[in-house]
Amino acid sequence: MYGIGLEAYEEAMVQIRVFFMSAAALLMAVEFAGAGSAALPDGAYEVVSRLELPHVERWAVDQITKICIMGSERPDAVPIPVLSANNPFAECAAANFVARGASVEYDIVCPGRASATAHARYMIAPAGFTGRVAMVMAAKNMTMTEVVRGRRLGNCD
């Protein structure tokens, strides 16, 4: 054919495949490293939260709270607390933690039978975060969503 044998052609194709697979792996590693860290920096945050209930949209009111977030408290601690009043998530733990680029999501699991559960999903930025926490109050068979946006103020006092 073009002065090259079949074995030489197949060897060249294998080398080309190896080259492109290596290049693709390198590009994926660079993209992942540059995507932004999903870790929320420790510090003081001003958080605007709103509790949304199904079919009760016009009653949702923004609440502003200042909190201190410390990632080193306990390994299974909920990274960003649920801020709605009278919620049962104070003694609960985070499970199934997944971080992809600047997005973080995890389940909030409470001890006991027929306890409340939640799924939190956040986008993390250097200056703060935005997110939603879908909550199911098991004993009451009630669902609601806490919508939050937080702005980093600095170090905790």
Protein backbone atom coordinates (compact mmCIF):
# COMPACT_ATOMS: atom_id res chain seq x y z
CA MET A 1 0.00 0.00 0.00
CA TYR A 2 2.03 3.11 0.82
CA GLY A 3 5.30 1.27 1.39
CA ILE A 4 4.31 0.17 4.89
CA GLY A 5 3.38 -3.33 5.99
CA LEU A 6 0.27 -4.29 7.90
CA GLU A 7 2.20 -4.99 11.12
CA ALA A 8 3.93 -1.59 11.00
CA TYR A 9 0.58 0.10 10.34
CA GLU A 10 -1.06 -1.65 13.33
CA GLU A 11 1.90 -0.74 15.57
CA ALA A 12 1.62 2.91 14.51
CA MET A 13 -2.12 2.91 15.27
CA VAL A 14 -1.49 1.48 18.75
CA GLN A 15 1.07 4.21 19.46
CA ILE A 16 -1.33 6.89 18.23
CA ARG A 17 -4.12 5.50 20.47
CA VAL A 18 -1.79 5.44 23.49
CA PHE A 19 -0.73 9.03 22.77
CA PHE A 20 -4.32 10.31 22.53
CA MET A 21 -5.46 8.39 25.62
CA SER A 22 -2.55 9.85 27.61
CA ALA A 23 -3.32 13.35 26.32
CA ALA A 24 -7.01 12.97 27.23
CA ALA A 25 -6.14 11.78 30.76
CA LEU A 26 -3.79 14.74 31.21
CA LEU A 27 -6.43 17.21 30.02
CA MET A 28 -9.03 15.71 32.37
CA ALA A 29 -6.64 16.05 35.31
CA VAL A 30 -5.91 19.69 34.44
CA GLU A 31 -9.63 20.45 34.06
CA PHE A 32 -10.44 18.82 37.42
CA ALA A 33 -7.64 20.69 39.20
CA GLY A 34 -8.75 24.02 37.74
CA ALA A 35 -12.45 23.52 38.38
CA GLY A 36 -12.32 25.08 41.83
CA SER A 37 -12.22 23.44 45.20
CA ALA A 38 -15.45 22.12 46.64
CA ALA A 39 -14.16 22.72 50.17
CA LEU A 40 -15.89 25.59 51.91
CA PRO A 41 -13.33 27.76 53.71
CA ASP A 42 -13.76 27.93 57.48
CA GLY A 43 -15.03 31.26 58.71
CA ALA A 44 -17.97 33.51 59.48
CA TYR A 45 -20.79 33.68 56.94
CA GLU A 46 -23.88 35.80 56.51
CA VAL A 47 -26.53 33.43 55.19
CA VAL A 48 -29.85 34.40 53.65
CA SER A 49 -32.24 31.46 53.90
CA ARG A 50 -35.82 30.94 52.82
CA LEU A 51 -38.06 27.98 53.61
CA GLU A 52 -40.23 27.01 50.66
CA LEU A 53 -43.28 24.79 51.16
CA PRO A 54 -45.17 23.20 48.25
CA HIS A 55 -48.18 25.29 47.20
CA VAL A 56 -47.39 28.03 49.76
CA GLU A 57 -44.99 30.12 47.66
CA ARG A 58 -46.16 33.59 48.66
CA TRP A 59 -45.47 33.01 52.35
CA ALA A 60 -41.74 32.33 51.91
CA VAL A 61 -39.76 34.96 53.85
CA ASP A 62 -36.00 35.53 53.73
CA GLN A 63 -34.17 35.16 57.04
CA ILE A 64 -30.63 36.47 57.58
CA THR A 65 -28.36 34.57 59.97
CA LYS A 66 -24.67 34.86 60.82
CA ILE A 67 -22.96 31.50 61.39
CA CYS A 68 -19.47 30.17 61.94
CA ILE A 69 -18.54 27.20 59.77
CA MET A 70 -15.69 25.02 60.97
CA GLY A 71 -15.01 21.92 58.86
CA SER A 72 -12.93 20.25 61.56
CA GLU A 73 -15.66 19.87 64.23
CA ARG A 74 -16.43 16.18 63.65
CA PRO A 75 -15.97 14.02 60.56
CA ASP A 76 -19.67 13.29 59.97
CA ALA A 77 -20.93 16.78 60.89
CA VAL A 78 -23.27 18.54 58.49
CA PRO A 79 -20.95 21.03 56.72
CA ILE A 80 -23.57 23.77 56.29
CA PRO A 81 -26.33 23.62 58.92
CA VAL A 82 -30.04 23.74 58.14
CA LEU A 83 -31.15 27.15 59.38
CA SER A 84 -34.95 26.98 59.28
CA ALA A 85 -36.67 27.37 62.63
CA ASN A 86 -37.83 24.24 64.47
CA ASN A 87 -35.94 21.80 62.26
CA PRO A 88 -34.91 18.36 63.58
CA PHE A 89 -31.44 18.32 61.96
CA ALA A 90 -29.27 19.64 64.82
CA GLU A 91 -28.06 16.19 65.93
CA CYS A 92 -27.91 14.63 62.47
CA ALA A 93 -24.94 13.55 60.36
CA ALA A 94 -23.81 14.00 56.77
CA ALA A 95 -23.54 10.88 54.62
CA ASN A 96 -22.87 10.05 50.97
CA PHE A 97 -20.73 13.17 50.49
CA VAL A 98 -19.97 13.86 46.80
CA ALA A 99 -17.88 16.76 45.48
CA ARG A 100 -17.57 17.53 41.76
CA GLY A 101 -15.63 20.65 40.88
CA ALA A 102 -17.33 23.48 42.76
CA SER A 103 -20.48 21.48 43.55
CA VAL A 104 -21.05 19.59 46.80
CA GLU A 105 -23.94 17.37 47.78
CA TYR A 106 -24.69 15.08 50.67
CA ASP A 107 -27.53 13.43 52.57
CA ILE A 108 -28.47 14.46 56.09
CA VAL A 109 -29.33 11.38 58.11
CA CYS A 110 -30.88 11.50 61.57
CA PRO A 111 -30.82 8.75 64.18
CA GLY A 112 -33.96 6.88 65.08
CA ARG A 113 -36.86 5.29 63.37
CA ALA A 114 -39.18 7.46 61.26
CA SER A 115 -36.75 10.37 61.47
CA ALA A 116 -36.39 13.29 59.12
CA THR A 117 -34.04 13.11 56.12
CA ALA A 118 -32.65 15.70 53.74
CA HIS A 119 -30.48 16.07 50.66
CA ALA A 120 -28.28 19.16 50.42
CA ARG A 121 -26.75 20.48 47.18
CA TYR A 122 -24.44 23.52 47.10
CA MET A 123 -22.28 25.46 44.67
CA ILE A 124 -19.13 26.68 46.44
CA ALA A 125 -17.28 29.85 45.44
CA PRO A 126 -14.33 31.61 47.10
CA ALA A 127 -16.60 34.33 48.50
CA GLY A 128 -19.51 32.11 49.58
CA PHE A 129 -22.04 29.52 48.48
CA THR A 130 -25.57 28.97 47.17
CA GLY A 131 -27.68 25.90 47.64
CA ARG A 132 -30.86 24.01 48.31
CA VAL A 133 -31.74 21.50 51.02
CA ALA A 134 -34.68 19.22 50.19
CA MET A 135 -36.12 18.02 53.50
CA VAL A 136 -38.64 15.28 54.29
CA MET A 137 -40.18 15.33 57.74
CA ALA A 138 -40.90 11.61 57.95
CA ALA A 139 -43.34 11.45 60.84
CA LYS A 140 -45.40 14.27 59.33
CA ASN A 141 -44.96 13.12 55.70
CA MET A 142 -44.15 16.72 54.86
CA THR A 143 -41.62 18.01 52.32
CA MET A 144 -40.01 21.43 52.14
CA THR A 145 -36.93 23.09 50.65
CA GLU A 146 -34.53 25.51 52.28
CA VAL A 147 -32.93 27.83 49.72
CA VAL A 148 -29.71 29.51 50.91
CA ARG A 149 -26.99 31.85 49.79
CA GLY A 150 -24.05 32.63 52.00
CA ARG A 151 -21.38 35.31 51.86
CA ARG A 152 -18.06 34.88 53.66
CA LEU A 153 -17.40 37.69 56.14
CA GLY A 154 -13.99 36.62 57.39
CA ASN A 155 -12.70 34.59 60.34
CA CYS A 156 -14.97 33.48 63.16
CA ASP A 157 -14.88 35.64 66.29
